[in-house]
Amino acid sequence: MMTLIDYIQAHPYISGATAFGVLKYLADCFISPMPAPMADSSASYKYWFKVLNRFAANLPRAKSTAVENSPNFIPAVENHIKKNGGANGGTNGKTM
C-alpha cells in the first residue's frame, strides 16, 4: 500500500498543485474579510489592504476606488450634496 509520502514523491506536480490550492484558499479566507479602508484609515493600512488583496487575486477589490463599495459612501454623498447645493444636484427641487 502506498503511503502519503510515497504518493507525493511519485506525483510531485499533482501534490504541489494541491498544496498550492489549499494554501491559496486559506490565505483568501483570511484576506477577503478585511474591511475596506475608510477615509480615516492610515496610509499603511491602505497599502497593506491593496497588497494583500492583489496577493489573494482579489484584483477588483484591490483596484476599486468606487465610492459605493466603500464604507465611506454616506459621507461621500453628504459631501456631494453640500458641494452641489442640494439633493437634486443643485436644482433645488425644480424639475427640468
PDB file of N, CA and C in Angstrom:
ATOM      1  N   MET A   1       0.841  -1.182   0.000  1.00  0.00           N
ATOM      2  CA  MET A   1       0.000   0.000   0.000  1.00  0.00           C
ATOM      3  C   MET A   1       0.887   1.247   0.000  1.00  0.00           C
ATOM      4  N   MET A   2       0.490   2.224  -0.800  1.00  0.00           N
ATOM      5  CA  MET A   2       1.274   3.442  -0.962  1.00  0.00           C
ATOM      6  C   MET A   2       0.966   4.413   0.188  1.00  0.00           C
ATOM      7  N   THR A   3       2.006   4.903   0.845  1.00  0.00           N
ATOM      8  CA  THR A   3       1.812   5.893   1.900  1.00  0.00           C
ATOM      9  C   THR A   3       1.709   7.282   1.273  1.00  0.00           C
ATOM     10  N   LEU A   4       1.371   8.250   2.078  1.00  0.00           N
ATOM     11  CA  LEU A   4       1.241   9.620   1.585  1.00  0.00           C
ATOM     12  C   LEU A   4       2.580  10.151   1.069  1.00  0.00           C
ATOM     13  N   ILE A   5       3.653   9.846   1.769  1.00  0.00           N
ATOM     14  CA  ILE A   5       4.994  10.285   1.337  1.00  0.00           C
ATOM     15  C   ILE A   5       5.333   9.666  -0.013  1.00  0.00           C
ATOM     16  N   ASP A   6       5.033   8.382  -0.184  1.00  0.00           N
ATOM     17  CA  ASP A   6       5.296   7.728  -1.471  1.00  0.00           C
ATOM     18  C   ASP A   6       4.476   8.370  -2.589  1.00  0.00           C
ATOM     19  N   TYR A   7       3.225   8.706  -2.285  1.00  0.00           N
ATOM     20  CA  TYR A   7       2.364   9.331  -3.290  1.00  0.00           C
ATOM     21  C   TYR A   7       2.906  10.702  -3.694  1.00  0.00           C
ATOM     22  N   ILE A   8       3.330  11.490  -2.709  1.00  0.00           N
ATOM     23  CA  ILE A   8       3.880  12.822  -3.004  1.00  0.00           C
ATOM     24  C   ILE A   8       5.140  12.702  -3.856  1.00  0.00           C
ATOM     25  N   GLN A   9       5.976  11.734  -3.539  1.00  0.00           N
ATOM     26  CA  GLN A   9       7.202  11.540  -4.316  1.00  0.00           C
ATOM     27  C   GLN A   9       6.900  11.026  -5.716  1.00  0.00           C
ATOM     28  N   ALA A  10       5.855  10.225  -5.857  1.00  0.00           N
ATOM     29  CA  ALA A  10       5.513   9.676  -7.165  1.00  0.00           C
ATOM     30  C   ALA A  10       4.795  10.698  -8.044  1.00  0.00           C
ATOM     31  N   HIS A  11       4.085  11.636  -7.427  1.00  0.00           N
ATOM     32  CA  HIS A  11       3.293  12.617  -8.179  1.00  0.00           C
ATOM     33  C   HIS A  11       3.586  14.033  -7.666  1.00  0.00           C
ATOM     34  N   PRO A  12       4.773  14.541  -7.919  1.00  0.00           N
ATOM     35  CA  PRO A  12       5.126  15.846  -7.342  1.00  0.00           C
ATOM     36  C   PRO A  12       4.296  17.011  -7.891  1.00  0.00           C
ATOM     37  N   TYR A  13       3.910  16.973  -9.164  1.00  0.00           N
ATOM     38  CA  TYR A  13       3.160  18.085  -9.736  1.00  0.00           C
ATOM     39  C   TYR A  13       1.732  18.133  -9.196  1.00  0.00           C
ATOM     40  N   ILE A  14       1.106  16.976  -9.088  1.00  0.00           N
ATOM     41  CA  ILE A  14      -0.259  16.928  -8.531  1.00  0.00           C
ATOM     42  C   ILE A  14      -0.233  17.360  -7.071  1.00  0.00           C
ATOM     43  N   SER A  15       0.737  16.876  -6.316  1.00  0.00           N
ATOM     44  CA  SER A  15       0.844  17.239  -4.902  1.00  0.00           C
ATOM     45  C   SER A  15       1.130  18.730  -4.733  1.00  0.00           C
ATOM     46  N   GLY A  16       2.001  19.265  -5.573  1.00  0.00           N
ATOM     47  CA  GLY A  16       2.320  20.687  -5.499  1.00  0.00           C
ATOM     48  C   GLY A  16       1.124  21.556  -5.844  1.00  0.00           C
ATOM     49  N   ALA A  17       0.387  21.186  -6.871  1.00  0.00           N
ATOM     50  CA  ALA A  17      -0.796  21.949  -7.259  1.00  0.00           C
ATOM     51  C   ALA A  17      -1.858  21.891  -6.168  1.00  0.00           C
ATOM     52  N   THR A  18      -2.016  20.725  -5.559  1.00  0.00           N
ATOM     53  CA  THR A  18      -2.986  20.588  -4.473  1.00  0.00           C
ATOM     54  C   THR A  18      -2.579  21.427  -3.272  1.00  0.00           C
ATOM     55  N   ALA A  19      -1.295  21.386  -2.908  1.00  0.00           N
ATOM     56  CA  ALA A  19      -0.811  22.168  -1.772  1.00  0.00           C
ATOM     57  C   ALA A  19      -0.977  23.662  -2.051  1.00  0.00           C
ATOM     58  N   PHE A  20      -0.673  24.088  -3.264  1.00  0.00           N
ATOM     59  CA  PHE A  20      -0.844  25.496  -3.627  1.00  0.00           C
ATOM     60  C   PHE A  20      -2.302  25.910  -3.525  1.00  0.00           C
ATOM     61  N   GLY A  21      -3.195  25.077  -4.018  1.00  0.00           N
ATOM     62  CA  GLY A  21      -4.623  25.382  -3.966  1.00  0.00           C
ATOM     63  C   GLY A  21      -5.128  25.504  -2.537  1.00  0.00           C
ATOM     64  N   VAL A  22      -4.687  24.606  -1.674  1.00  0.00           N
ATOM     65  CA  VAL A  22      -5.113  24.644  -0.269  1.00  0.00           C
ATOM     66  C   VAL A  22      -4.572  25.894   0.412  1.00  0.00           C
ATOM     67  N   LEU A  23      -3.302  26.204   0.213  1.00  0.00           N
ATOM     68  CA  LEU A  23      -2.710  27.391   0.827  1.00  0.00           C
ATOM     69  C   LEU A  23      -3.343  28.677   0.286  1.00  0.00           C
ATOM     70  N   LYS A  24      -3.634  28.706  -1.011  1.00  0.00           N
ATOM     71  CA  LYS A  24      -4.297  29.868  -1.610  1.00  0.00           C
ATOM     72  C   LYS A  24      -5.679  30.059  -1.007  1.00  0.00           C
ATOM     73  N   TYR A  25      -6.408  28.968  -0.819  1.00  0.00           N
ATOM     74  CA  TYR A  25      -7.738  29.043  -0.222  1.00  0.00           C
ATOM     75  C   TYR A  25      -7.661  29.566   1.211  1.00  0.00           C
ATOM     76  N   LEU A  26      -6.705  29.078   1.986  1.00  0.00           N
ATOM     77  CA  LEU A  26      -6.557  29.538   3.369  1.00  0.00           C
ATOM     78  C   LEU A  26      -6.177  31.014   3.426  1.00  0.00           C
ATOM     79  N   ALA A  27      -5.273  31.445   2.553  1.00  0.00           N
ATOM     80  CA  ALA A  27      -4.888  32.853   2.527  1.00  0.00           C
ATOM     81  C   ALA A  27      -6.083  33.722   2.140  1.00  0.00           C
ATOM     82  N   ASP A  28      -6.866  33.262   1.181  1.00  0.00           N
ATOM     83  CA  ASP A  28      -8.037  34.008   0.749  1.00  0.00           C
ATOM     84  C   ASP A  28      -9.068  34.120   1.868  1.00  0.00           C
ATOM     85  N   CYS A  29      -9.187  33.082   2.679  1.00  0.00           N
ATOM     86  CA  CYS A  29     -10.127  33.107   3.811  1.00  0.00           C
ATOM     87  C   CYS A  29      -9.730  34.156   4.846  1.00  0.00           C
ATOM     88  N   PHE A  30      -8.458  34.427   4.991  1.00  0.00           N
ATOM     89  CA  PHE A  30      -8.010  35.424   5.954  1.00  0.00           C
ATOM     90  C   PHE A  30      -8.009  36.839   5.369  1.00  0.00           C
ATOM     91  N   ILE A  31      -7.789  36.968   4.064  1.00  0.00           N
ATOM     92  CA  ILE A  31      -7.650  38.289   3.447  1.00  0.00           C
ATOM     93  C   ILE A  31      -9.001  38.884   3.045  1.00  0.00           C
ATOM     94  N   SER A  32      -9.902  38.087   2.514  1.00  0.00           N
ATOM     95  CA  SER A  32     -11.171  38.611   1.998  1.00  0.00           C
ATOM     96  C   SER A  32     -12.034  39.332   3.028  1.00  0.00           C
ATOM     97  N   PRO A  33     -12.079  38.892   4.288  1.00  0.00           N
ATOM     98  CA  PRO A  33     -12.939  39.608   5.245  1.00  0.00           C
ATOM     99  C   PRO A  33     -12.386  40.945   5.742  1.00  0.00           C
ATOM    100  N   MET A  34     -11.199  41.333   5.295  1.00  0.00           N
ATOM    101  CA  MET A  34     -10.645  42.613   5.748  1.00  0.00           C
ATOM    102  C   MET A  34     -11.595  43.744   5.371  1.00  0.00           C
ATOM    103  N   PRO A  35     -11.908  44.632   6.314  1.00  0.00           N
ATOM    104  CA  PRO A  35     -12.778  45.753   5.959  1.00  0.00           C
ATOM    105  C   PRO A  35     -12.067  46.715   5.015  1.00  0.00           C
ATOM    106  N   ALA A  36     -12.829  47.296   4.121  1.00  0.00           N
ATOM    107  CA  ALA A  36     -12.263  48.260   3.174  1.00  0.00           C
ATOM    108  C   ALA A  36     -11.754  49.477   3.924  1.00  0.00           C
ATOM    109  N   PRO A  37     -10.687  50.091   3.446  1.00  0.00           N
ATOM    110  CA  PRO A  37     -10.160  51.284   4.120  1.00  0.00           C
ATOM    111  C   PRO A  37     -11.186  52.412   4.132  1.00  0.00           C
ATOM    112  N   MET A  38     -11.221  53.115   5.249  1.00  0.00           N
ATOM    113  CA  MET A  38     -12.123  54.254   5.388  1.00  0.00           C
ATOM    114  C   MET A  38     -11.332  55.539   5.193  1.00  0.00           C
ATOM    115  N   ALA A  39     -12.008  56.642   5.215  1.00  0.00           N
ATOM    116  CA  ALA A  39     -11.348  57.931   4.998  1.00  0.00           C
ATOM    117  C   ALA A  39     -10.291  58.206   6.063  1.00  0.00           C
ATOM    118  N   ASP A  40     -10.525  57.734   7.284  1.00  0.00           N
ATOM    119  CA  ASP A  40      -9.575  57.996   8.360  1.00  0.00           C
ATOM    120  C   ASP A  40      -8.601  56.837   8.594  1.00  0.00           C
ATOM    121  N   SER A  41      -8.561  55.860   7.691  1.00  0.00           N
ATOM    122  CA  SER A  41      -7.603  54.761   7.810  1.00  0.00           C
ATOM    123  C   SER A  41      -6.192  55.264   7.533  1.00  0.00           C
ATOM    124  N   SER A  42      -5.222  54.620   8.157  1.00  0.00           N
ATOM    125  CA  SER A  42      -3.834  55.036   7.958  1.00  0.00           C
ATOM    126  C   SER A  42      -3.367  54.660   6.555  1.00  0.00           C
ATOM    127  N   ALA A  43      -2.344  55.335   6.104  1.00  0.00           N
ATOM    128  CA  ALA A  43      -1.771  55.040   4.791  1.00  0.00           C
ATOM    129  C   ALA A  43      -1.202  53.623   4.769  1.00  0.00           C
ATOM    130  N   SER A  44      -0.674  53.185   5.899  1.00  0.00           N
ATOM    131  CA  SER A  44      -0.126  51.833   5.988  1.00  0.00           C
ATOM    132  C   SER A  44      -1.225  50.778   5.784  1.00  0.00           C
ATOM    133  N   TYR A  45      -2.392  50.981   6.401  1.00  0.00           N
ATOM    134  CA  TYR A  45      -3.494  50.022   6.232  1.00  0.00           C
ATOM    135  C   TYR A  45      -3.964  50.003   4.783  1.00  0.00           C
ATOM    136  N   LYS A  46      -4.067  51.172   4.165  1.00  0.00           N
ATOM    137  CA  LYS A  46      -4.497  51.226   2.774  1.00  0.00           C
ATOM    138  C   LYS A  46      -3.510  50.484   1.876  1.00  0.00           C
ATOM    139  N   TYR A  47      -2.221  50.666   2.154  1.00  0.00           N
ATOM    140  CA  TYR A  47      -1.187  49.990   1.366  1.00  0.00           C
ATOM    141  C   TYR A  47      -1.298  48.475   1.526  1.00  0.00           C
ATOM    142  N   TRP A  48      -1.352  47.985   2.770  1.00  0.00           N
ATOM    143  CA  TRP A  48      -1.412  46.542   3.005  1.00  0.00           C
ATOM    144  C   TRP A  48      -2.720  45.940   2.510  1.00  0.00           C
ATOM    145  N   PHE A  49      -3.800  46.697   2.560  1.00  0.00           N
ATOM    146  CA  PHE A  49      -5.073  46.222   2.022  1.00  0.00           C
ATOM    147  C   PHE A  49      -4.933  45.929   0.531  1.00  0.00           C
ATOM    148  N   LYS A  50      -4.311  46.856  -0.206  1.00  0.00           N
ATOM    149  CA  LYS A  50      -4.125  46.658  -1.639  1.00  0.00           C
ATOM    150  C   LYS A  50      -3.153  45.525  -1.933  1.00  0.00           C
ATOM    151  N   VAL A  51      -2.052  45.465  -1.198  1.00  0.00           N
ATOM    152  CA  VAL A  51      -1.056  44.421  -1.440  1.00  0.00           C
ATOM    153  C   VAL A  51      -1.640  43.039  -1.157  1.00  0.00           C
ATOM    154  N   LEU A  52      -2.288  42.878  -0.031  1.00  0.00           N
ATOM    155  CA  LEU A  52      -2.827  41.565   0.327  1.00  0.00           C
ATOM    156  C   LEU A  52      -3.956  41.144  -0.602  1.00  0.00           C
ATOM    157  N   ASN A  53      -4.781  42.077  -1.035  1.00  0.00           N
ATOM    158  CA  ASN A  53      -5.848  41.705  -1.963  1.00  0.00           C
ATOM    159  C   ASN A  53      -5.305  41.363  -3.338  1.00  0.00           C
ATOM    160  N   ARG A  54      -4.224  41.989  -3.739  1.00  0.00           N
ATOM    161  CA  ARG A  54      -3.589  41.586  -5.002  1.00  0.00           C
ATOM    162  C   ARG A  54      -2.982  40.192  -4.860  1.00  0.00           C
ATOM    163  N   PHE A  55      -2.368  39.918  -3.712  1.00  0.00           N
ATOM    164  CA  PHE A  55      -1.798  38.595  -3.457  1.00  0.00           C
ATOM    165  C   PHE A  55      -2.877  37.525  -3.501  1.00  0.00           C
ATOM    166  N   ALA A  56      -4.050  37.830  -2.975  1.00  0.00           N
ATOM    167  CA  ALA A  56      -5.139  36.860  -2.939  1.00  0.00           C
ATOM    168  C   ALA A  56      -5.930  36.839  -4.244  1.00  0.00           C
ATOM    169  N   ALA A  57      -5.479  37.583  -5.239  1.00  0.00           N
ATOM    170  CA  ALA A  57      -6.121  37.666  -6.557  1.00  0.00           C
ATOM    171  C   ALA A  57      -7.508  38.275  -6.473  1.00  0.00           C
ATOM    172  N   ASN A  58      -7.735  39.153  -5.508  1.00  0.00           N
ATOM    173  CA  ASN A  58      -8.960  39.942  -5.429  1.00  0.00           C
ATOM    174  C   ASN A  58      -8.707  41.266  -6.130  1.00  0.00           C
ATOM    175  N   LEU A  59      -8.351  41.195  -7.398  1.00  0.00           N
ATOM    176  CA  LEU A  59      -7.936  42.389  -8.124  1.00  0.00           C
ATOM    177  C   LEU A  59      -9.009  43.466  -8.193  1.00  0.00           C
ATOM    178  N   PRO A  60     -10.264  43.115  -8.449  1.00  0.00           N
ATOM    179  CA  PRO A  60     -11.266  44.191  -8.468  1.00  0.00           C
ATOM    180  C   PRO A  60     -11.370  44.910  -7.124  1.00  0.00           C
ATOM    181  N   ARG A  61     -11.222  44.171  -6.039  1.00  0.00           N
ATOM    182  CA  ARG A  61     -11.297  44.791  -4.711  1.00  0.00           C
ATOM    183  C   ARG A  61     -10.041  45.616  -4.424  1.00  0.00           C
ATOM    184  N   ALA A  62      -8.893  45.157  -4.875  1.00  0.00           N
ATOM    185  CA  ALA A  62      -7.646  45.876  -4.627  1.00  0.00           C
ATOM    186  C   ALA A  62      -7.581  47.179  -5.417  1.00  0.00           C
ATOM    187  N   LYS A  63      -8.115  47.165  -6.643  1.00  0.00           N
ATOM    188  CA  LYS A  63      -8.031  48.340  -7.507  1.00  0.00           C
ATOM    189  C   LYS A  63      -9.248  49.246  -7.407  1.00  0.00           C
ATOM    190  N   SER A  64     -10.278  48.814  -6.695  1.00  0.00           N
ATOM    191  CA  SER A  64     -11.527  49.558  -6.659  1.00  0.00           C
ATOM    192  C   SER A  64     -11.370  50.890  -5.948  1.00  0.00           C
ATOM    193  N   THR A  65     -11.856  51.922  -6.593  1.00  0.00           N
ATOM    194  CA  THR A  65     -11.924  53.240  -5.967  1.00  0.00           C
ATOM    195  C   THR A  65     -13.362  53.715  -5.943  1.00  0.00           C
ATOM    196  N   ALA A  66     -14.296  52.821  -6.252  1.00  0.00           N
ATOM    197  CA  ALA A  66     -15.709  53.185  -6.288  1.00  0.00           C
ATOM    198  C   ALA A  66     -16.200  53.554  -4.894  1.00  0.00           C
ATOM    199  N   VAL A  67     -16.887  54.649  -4.799  1.00  0.00           N
ATOM    200  CA  VAL A  67     -17.392  55.110  -3.515  1.00  0.00           C
ATOM    201  C   VAL A  67     -18.471  54.159  -3.002  1.00  0.00           C
ATOM    202  N   GLU A  68     -19.282  53.607  -3.894  1.00  0.00           N
ATOM    203  CA  GLU A  68     -20.397  52.765  -3.487  1.00  0.00           C
ATOM    204  C   GLU A  68     -19.934  51.504  -2.757  1.00  0.00           C
ATOM    205  N   ASN A  69     -18.751  51.018  -3.062  1.00  0.00           N
ATOM    206  CA  ASN A  69     -18.256  49.793  -2.445  1.00  0.00           C
ATOM    207  C   ASN A  69     -17.511  50.050  -1.142  1.00  0.00           C
ATOM    208  N   SER A  70     -17.406  51.284  -0.735  1.00  0.00           N
ATOM    209  CA  SER A  70     -16.630  51.588   0.456  1.00  0.00           C
ATOM    210  C   SER A  70     -17.543  51.970   1.611  1.00  0.00           C
ATOM    211  N   PRO A  71     -17.042  51.852   2.828  1.00  0.00           N
ATOM    212  CA  PRO A  71     -17.842  52.286   3.972  1.00  0.00           C
ATOM    213  C   PRO A  71     -17.955  53.805   4.056  1.00  0.00           C
ATOM    214  N   ASN A  72     -17.322  54.523   3.150  1.00  0.00           N
ATOM    215  CA  ASN A  72     -17.374  55.984   3.133  1.00  0.00           C
ATOM    216  C   ASN A  72     -18.509  56.506   2.260  1.00  0.00           C
ATOM    217  N   PHE A  73     -19.424  55.645   1.858  1.00  0.00           N
ATOM    218  CA  PHE A  73     -20.453  56.035   0.896  1.00  0.00           C
ATOM    219  C   PHE A  73     -21.323  57.182   1.417  1.00  0.00           C
ATOM    220  N   ILE A  74     -21.829  57.065   2.633  1.00  0.00           N
ATOM    221  CA  ILE A  74     -22.714  58.094   3.184  1.00  0.00           C
ATOM    222  C   ILE A  74     -21.988  59.438   3.329  1.00  0.00           C
ATOM    223  N   PRO A  75     -20.760  59.479   3.919  1.00  0.00           N
ATOM    224  CA  PRO A  75     -20.066  60.771   3.970  1.00  0.00           C
ATOM    225  C   PRO A  75     -19.785  61.352   2.583  1.00  0.00           C
ATOM    226  N   ALA A  76     -19.505  60.501   1.605  1.00  0.00           N
ATOM    227  CA  ALA A  76     -19.247  61.000   0.253  1.00  0.00           C
ATOM    228  C   ALA A  76     -20.512  61.600  -0.353  1.00  0.00           C
ATOM    229  N   VAL A  77     -21.648  60.974  -0.113  1.00  0.00           N
ATOM    230  CA  VAL A  77     -22.909  61.518  -0.624  1.00  0.00           C
ATOM    231  C   VAL A  77     -23.207  62.856   0.037  1.00  0.00           C
ATOM    232  N   GLU A  78     -22.995  62.942   1.345  1.00  0.00           N
ATOM    233  CA  GLU A  78     -23.228  64.201   2.045  1.00  0.00           C
ATOM    234  C   GLU A  78     -22.311  65.307   1.513  1.00  0.00           C
ATOM    235  N   ASN A  79     -21.054  64.988   1.262  1.00  0.00           N
ATOM    236  CA  ASN A  79     -20.129  65.971   0.686  1.00  0.00           C
ATOM    237  C   ASN A  79     -20.577  66.394  -0.711  1.00  0.00           C
ATOM    238  N   HIS A  80     -21.054  65.439  -1.493  1.00  0.00           N
ATOM    239  CA  HIS A  80     -21.531  65.743  -2.842  1.00  0.00           C
ATOM    240  C   HIS A  80     -22.732  66.681  -2.798  1.00  0.00           C
ATOM    241  N   ILE A  81     -23.643  66.426  -1.853  1.00  0.00           N
ATOM    242  CA  ILE A  81     -24.828  67.271  -1.717  1.00  0.00           C
ATOM    243  C   ILE A  81     -24.437  68.685  -1.298  1.00  0.00           C
ATOM    244  N   LYS A  82     -23.509  68.780  -0.332  1.00  0.00           N
ATOM    245  CA  LYS A  82     -23.058  70.110   0.114  1.00  0.00           C
ATOM    246  C   LYS A  82     -22.383  70.865  -1.032  1.00  0.00           C
ATOM    247  N   LYS A  83     -21.559  70.148  -1.786  1.00  0.00           N
ATOM    248  CA  LYS A  83     -20.792  70.780  -2.866  1.00  0.00           C
ATOM    249  C   LYS A  83     -21.696  71.236  -4.010  1.00  0.00           C
ATOM    250  N   ASN A  84     -22.726  70.451  -4.311  1.00  0.00           N
ATOM    251  CA  ASN A  84     -23.582  70.758  -5.449  1.00  0.00           C
ATOM    252  C   ASN A  84     -24.863  71.500  -5.077  1.00  0.00           C
ATOM    253  N   GLY A  85     -25.047  71.786  -3.815  1.00  0.00           N
ATOM    254  CA  GLY A  85     -26.151  72.641  -3.407  1.00  0.00           C
ATOM    255  C   GLY A  85     -27.511  71.998  -3.354  1.00  0.00           C
ATOM    256  N   GLY A  86     -27.613  70.764  -2.962  1.00  0.00           N
ATOM    257  CA  GLY A  86     -28.934  70.162  -2.800  1.00  0.00           C
ATOM    258  C   GLY A  86     -28.943  68.709  -3.202  1.00  0.00           C
ATOM    259  N   ALA A  87     -30.012  68.048  -2.815  1.00  0.00           N
ATOM    260  CA  ALA A  87     -30.125  66.615  -3.081  1.00  0.00           C
ATOM    261  C   ALA A  87     -30.330  66.317  -4.556  1.00  0.00           C
ATOM    262  N   ASN A  88     -30.808  67.283  -5.322  1.00  0.00           N
ATOM    263  CA  ASN A  88     -31.058  67.061  -6.741  1.00  0.00           C
ATOM    264  C   ASN A  88     -29.956  67.645  -7.618  1.00  0.00           C
ATOM    265  N   GLY A  89     -28.762  67.694  -7.084  1.00  0.00           N
ATOM    266  CA  GLY A  89     -27.639  68.175  -7.881  1.00  0.00           C
ATOM    267  C   GLY A  89     -27.658  69.670  -8.125  1.00  0.00           C
ATOM    268  N   GLY A  90     -28.256  70.431  -7.212  1.00  0.00           N
ATOM    269  CA  GLY A  90     -28.240  71.875  -7.355  1.00  0.00           C
ATOM    270  C   GLY A  90     -29.472  72.461  -7.998  1.00  0.00           C
ATOM    271  N   THR A  91     -30.483  71.642  -8.331  1.00  0.00           N
ATOM    272  CA  THR A  91     -31.678  72.176  -8.959  1.00  0.00           C
ATOM    273  C   THR A  91     -32.683  72.672  -7.931  1.00  0.00           C
ATOM    274  N   ASN A  92     -32.418  72.408  -6.644  1.00  0.00           N
ATOM    275  CA  ASN A  92     -33.280  72.845  -5.547  1.00  0.00           C
ATOM    276  C   ASN A  92     -34.731  72.395  -5.710  1.00  0.00           C
ATOM    277  N   GLY A  93     -34.902  71.170  -6.180  1.00  0.00           N
ATOM    278  CA  GLY A  93     -36.239  70.589  -6.287  1.00  0.00           C
ATOM    279  C   GLY A  93     -36.950  70.901  -7.582  1.00  0.00           C
ATOM    280  N   LYS A  94     -36.394  71.734  -8.449  1.00  0.00           N
ATOM    281  CA  LYS A  94     -37.043  72.064  -9.701  1.00  0.00           C
ATOM    282  C   LYS A  94     -36.833  70.923 -10.683  1.00  0.00           C
ATOM    283  N   THR A  95     -37.859  70.608 -11.420  1.00  0.00           N
ATOM    284  CA  THR A  95     -37.727  69.591 -12.458  1.00  0.00           C
ATOM    285  C   THR A  95     -37.334  70.265 -13.755  1.00  0.00           C
ATOM    286  N   MET A  96     -36.666  69.518 -14.590  1.00  0.00           N
ATOM    287  CA  MET A  96     -36.206  70.099 -15.852  1.00  0.00           C
ATOM    288  C   MET A  96     -37.039  69.608 -16.985  1.00  0.00           C
TER     289      MET A  96
END
